[in-house]
Amino acid sequence: MTLATSAAPAGARSWATLARTEGTIAELAGALGLSPGTTRNHLSAIMRKLDAGSRIEAIRTAEEQGWI
């Protein structure tokens, strides 16, 4: 997948920022007022959009693209 440097995939900026936040899924969910399952689904979706195998890889991609 080729990512344009000017535009993040829908929601990528906000969820990459979320992925950057340290903590477990349960901790992130609590901070956001979401269930752990919903939080996990959102993180999985952004990782899929960024073709990332981990939160760290998603963060790296978003930083390299200038989204966060």
N, C-alpha and C. Protein backbone atom coordinates (compact mmCIF):
# COMPACT_ATOMS: atom_id res chain seq x y z
N MET A 1 0.84 -1.17 0.00
CA MET A 1 0.00 0.00 0.00
C MET A 1 0.88 1.23 0.00
N THR A 2 0.53 2.20 -0.81
CA THR A 2 1.26 3.45 -0.86
C THR A 2 0.44 4.51 -0.14
N LEU A 3 1.06 5.18 0.81
CA LEU A 3 0.38 6.20 1.59
C LEU A 3 0.84 7.57 1.13
N ALA A 4 -0.12 8.43 0.85
CA ALA A 4 0.20 9.81 0.47
C ALA A 4 0.66 10.55 1.71
N THR A 5 1.65 11.41 1.54
CA THR A 5 2.16 12.14 2.69
C THR A 5 1.24 13.28 3.09
N SER A 6 0.34 13.71 2.21
CA SER A 6 -0.49 14.87 2.52
C SER A 6 -1.76 14.52 3.28
N ALA A 7 -2.27 13.32 3.15
CA ALA A 7 -3.54 13.00 3.79
C ALA A 7 -3.47 11.65 4.49
N ALA A 8 -3.89 11.64 5.72
CA ALA A 8 -3.95 10.39 6.48
C ALA A 8 -5.21 9.63 6.09
N PRO A 9 -5.16 8.30 6.11
CA PRO A 9 -6.39 7.53 5.91
C PRO A 9 -7.43 7.97 6.94
N ALA A 10 -8.69 7.83 6.60
CA ALA A 10 -9.78 8.28 7.49
C ALA A 10 -9.54 7.83 8.92
N GLY A 11 -9.47 8.78 9.81
CA GLY A 11 -9.30 8.49 11.23
C GLY A 11 -7.89 8.12 11.65
N ALA A 12 -6.99 8.02 10.71
CA ALA A 12 -5.65 7.53 11.04
C ALA A 12 -4.94 8.43 12.04
N ARG A 13 -5.07 9.72 11.89
CA ARG A 13 -4.36 10.64 12.78
C ARG A 13 -4.82 10.44 14.22
N SER A 14 -6.11 10.41 14.45
CA SER A 14 -6.60 10.29 15.83
C SER A 14 -6.28 8.93 16.42
N TRP A 15 -6.43 7.88 15.63
CA TRP A 15 -6.17 6.54 16.19
C TRP A 15 -4.68 6.25 16.30
N ALA A 16 -3.89 6.84 15.43
CA ALA A 16 -2.44 6.68 15.59
C ALA A 16 -2.00 7.40 16.86
N THR A 17 -2.62 8.52 17.15
CA THR A 17 -2.34 9.23 18.39
C THR A 17 -2.73 8.35 19.57
N LEU A 18 -3.88 7.71 19.47
CA LEU A 18 -4.31 6.78 20.51
C LEU A 18 -3.31 5.64 20.66
N ALA A 19 -2.87 5.10 19.54
CA ALA A 19 -1.91 3.99 19.58
C ALA A 19 -0.62 4.42 20.27
N ARG A 20 -0.30 5.70 20.15
CA ARG A 20 0.93 6.23 20.73
C ARG A 20 0.85 6.27 22.26
N THR A 21 -0.36 6.34 22.79
CA THR A 21 -0.57 6.40 24.23
C THR A 21 -0.13 5.10 24.88
N GLU A 22 0.67 5.22 25.89
CA GLU A 22 1.13 4.03 26.59
C GLU A 22 0.00 3.46 27.44
N GLY A 23 0.04 2.18 27.63
CA GLY A 23 -0.94 1.53 28.50
C GLY A 23 -1.55 0.32 27.83
N THR A 24 -2.22 -0.44 28.65
CA THR A 24 -2.89 -1.62 28.13
C THR A 24 -4.18 -1.21 27.44
N ILE A 25 -4.78 -2.15 26.73
CA ILE A 25 -6.06 -1.90 26.10
C ILE A 25 -7.09 -1.49 27.15
N ALA A 26 -7.10 -2.17 28.28
CA ALA A 26 -8.05 -1.86 29.35
C ALA A 26 -7.84 -0.43 29.88
N GLU A 27 -6.59 -0.02 30.02
CA GLU A 27 -6.29 1.34 30.50
C GLU A 27 -6.73 2.39 29.48
N LEU A 28 -6.45 2.12 28.20
CA LEU A 28 -6.87 3.04 27.16
C LEU A 28 -8.39 3.14 27.11
N ALA A 29 -9.04 1.99 27.18
CA ALA A 29 -10.50 1.95 27.15
C ALA A 29 -11.10 2.76 28.30
N GLY A 30 -10.55 2.58 29.48
CA GLY A 30 -11.03 3.33 30.63
C GLY A 30 -10.87 4.83 30.47
N ALA A 31 -9.74 5.24 29.92
CA ALA A 31 -9.48 6.67 29.71
C ALA A 31 -10.41 7.27 28.67
N LEU A 32 -10.85 6.45 27.72
CA LEU A 32 -11.72 6.93 26.64
C LEU A 32 -13.19 6.71 26.93
N GLY A 33 -13.48 5.94 27.97
CA GLY A 33 -14.87 5.62 28.27
C GLY A 33 -15.46 4.62 27.28
N LEU A 34 -14.60 3.78 26.73
CA LEU A 34 -15.02 2.75 25.79
C LEU A 34 -14.80 1.38 26.40
N SER A 35 -15.42 0.38 25.83
CA SER A 35 -15.15 -0.98 26.28
C SER A 35 -13.80 -1.42 25.72
N PRO A 36 -13.14 -2.36 26.39
CA PRO A 36 -11.87 -2.87 25.85
C PRO A 36 -12.03 -3.45 24.44
N GLY A 37 -13.14 -4.10 24.17
CA GLY A 37 -13.37 -4.67 22.85
C GLY A 37 -13.45 -3.61 21.76
N THR A 38 -14.16 -2.51 22.05
CA THR A 38 -14.27 -1.41 21.10
C THR A 38 -12.91 -0.78 20.85
N THR A 39 -12.16 -0.57 21.93
CA THR A 39 -10.83 0.01 21.81
C THR A 39 -9.93 -0.89 20.96
N ARG A 40 -9.97 -2.17 21.23
CA ARG A 40 -9.17 -3.14 20.47
C ARG A 40 -9.57 -3.12 19.00
N ASN A 41 -10.87 -3.04 18.73
CA ASN A 41 -11.33 -3.00 17.34
C ASN A 41 -10.84 -1.76 16.63
N HIS A 42 -10.89 -0.61 17.30
CA HIS A 42 -10.41 0.62 16.68
C HIS A 42 -8.91 0.55 16.41
N LEU A 43 -8.15 0.06 17.37
CA LEU A 43 -6.71 -0.05 17.15
C LEU A 43 -6.39 -1.03 16.03
N SER A 44 -7.12 -2.13 15.97
CA SER A 44 -6.92 -3.11 14.90
C SER A 44 -7.22 -2.49 13.54
N ALA A 45 -8.28 -1.68 13.49
CA ALA A 45 -8.66 -1.06 12.22
C ALA A 45 -7.58 -0.10 11.73
N ILE A 46 -7.05 0.72 12.63
CA ILE A 46 -6.02 1.66 12.19
C ILE A 46 -4.74 0.93 11.81
N MET A 47 -4.42 -0.12 12.52
CA MET A 47 -3.23 -0.90 12.17
C MET A 47 -3.40 -1.53 10.79
N ARG A 48 -4.62 -1.98 10.50
CA ARG A 48 -4.90 -2.55 9.18
C ARG A 48 -4.77 -1.47 8.11
N LYS A 49 -5.33 -0.27 8.36
CA LYS A 49 -5.25 0.82 7.38
C LYS A 49 -3.81 1.24 7.12
N LEU A 50 -2.98 1.16 8.13
CA LEU A 50 -1.58 1.55 7.99
C LEU A 50 -0.68 0.38 7.61
N ASP A 51 -1.29 -0.80 7.47
CA ASP A 51 -0.53 -2.01 7.15
C ASP A 51 0.57 -2.24 8.17
N ALA A 52 0.21 -2.03 9.44
CA ALA A 52 1.16 -2.16 10.55
C ALA A 52 0.90 -3.45 11.31
N GLY A 53 1.96 -4.10 11.72
CA GLY A 53 1.85 -5.34 12.48
C GLY A 53 1.79 -5.14 13.98
N SER A 54 2.00 -3.90 14.44
CA SER A 54 1.98 -3.62 15.87
C SER A 54 1.66 -2.14 16.09
N ARG A 55 1.35 -1.80 17.34
CA ARG A 55 1.11 -0.40 17.66
C ARG A 55 2.36 0.43 17.39
N ILE A 56 3.51 -0.12 17.71
CA ILE A 56 4.78 0.59 17.47
C ILE A 56 4.95 0.89 15.99
N GLU A 57 4.67 -0.09 15.15
CA GLU A 57 4.80 0.10 13.70
C GLU A 57 3.80 1.14 13.20
N ALA A 58 2.58 1.14 13.75
CA ALA A 58 1.57 2.14 13.37
C ALA A 58 2.05 3.54 13.75
N ILE A 59 2.62 3.66 14.93
CA ILE A 59 3.15 4.95 15.39
C ILE A 59 4.26 5.42 14.47
N ARG A 60 5.18 4.51 14.15
CA ARG A 60 6.30 4.86 13.27
C ARG A 60 5.80 5.35 11.92
N THR A 61 4.83 4.64 11.34
CA THR A 61 4.29 5.03 10.05
C THR A 61 3.65 6.41 10.13
N ALA A 62 2.84 6.63 11.16
CA ALA A 62 2.15 7.91 11.31
C ALA A 62 3.15 9.05 11.51
N GLU A 63 4.21 8.80 12.26
CA GLU A 63 5.25 9.83 12.46
C GLU A 63 5.97 10.12 11.16
N GLU A 64 6.33 9.06 10.42
CA GLU A 64 7.04 9.23 9.16
C GLU A 64 6.21 10.02 8.14
N GLN A 65 4.88 9.82 8.18
CA GLN A 65 3.99 10.50 7.25
C GLN A 65 3.63 11.91 7.72
N GLY A 66 4.04 12.26 8.96
CA GLY A 66 3.74 13.58 9.49
C GLY A 66 2.32 13.74 10.02
N TRP A 67 1.66 12.62 10.31
CA TRP A 67 0.29 12.67 10.81
C TRP A 67 0.21 12.94 12.30
N ILE A 68 1.26 12.60 13.01
CA ILE A 68 1.31 12.87 14.46
C ILE A 68 2.68 13.43 14.80
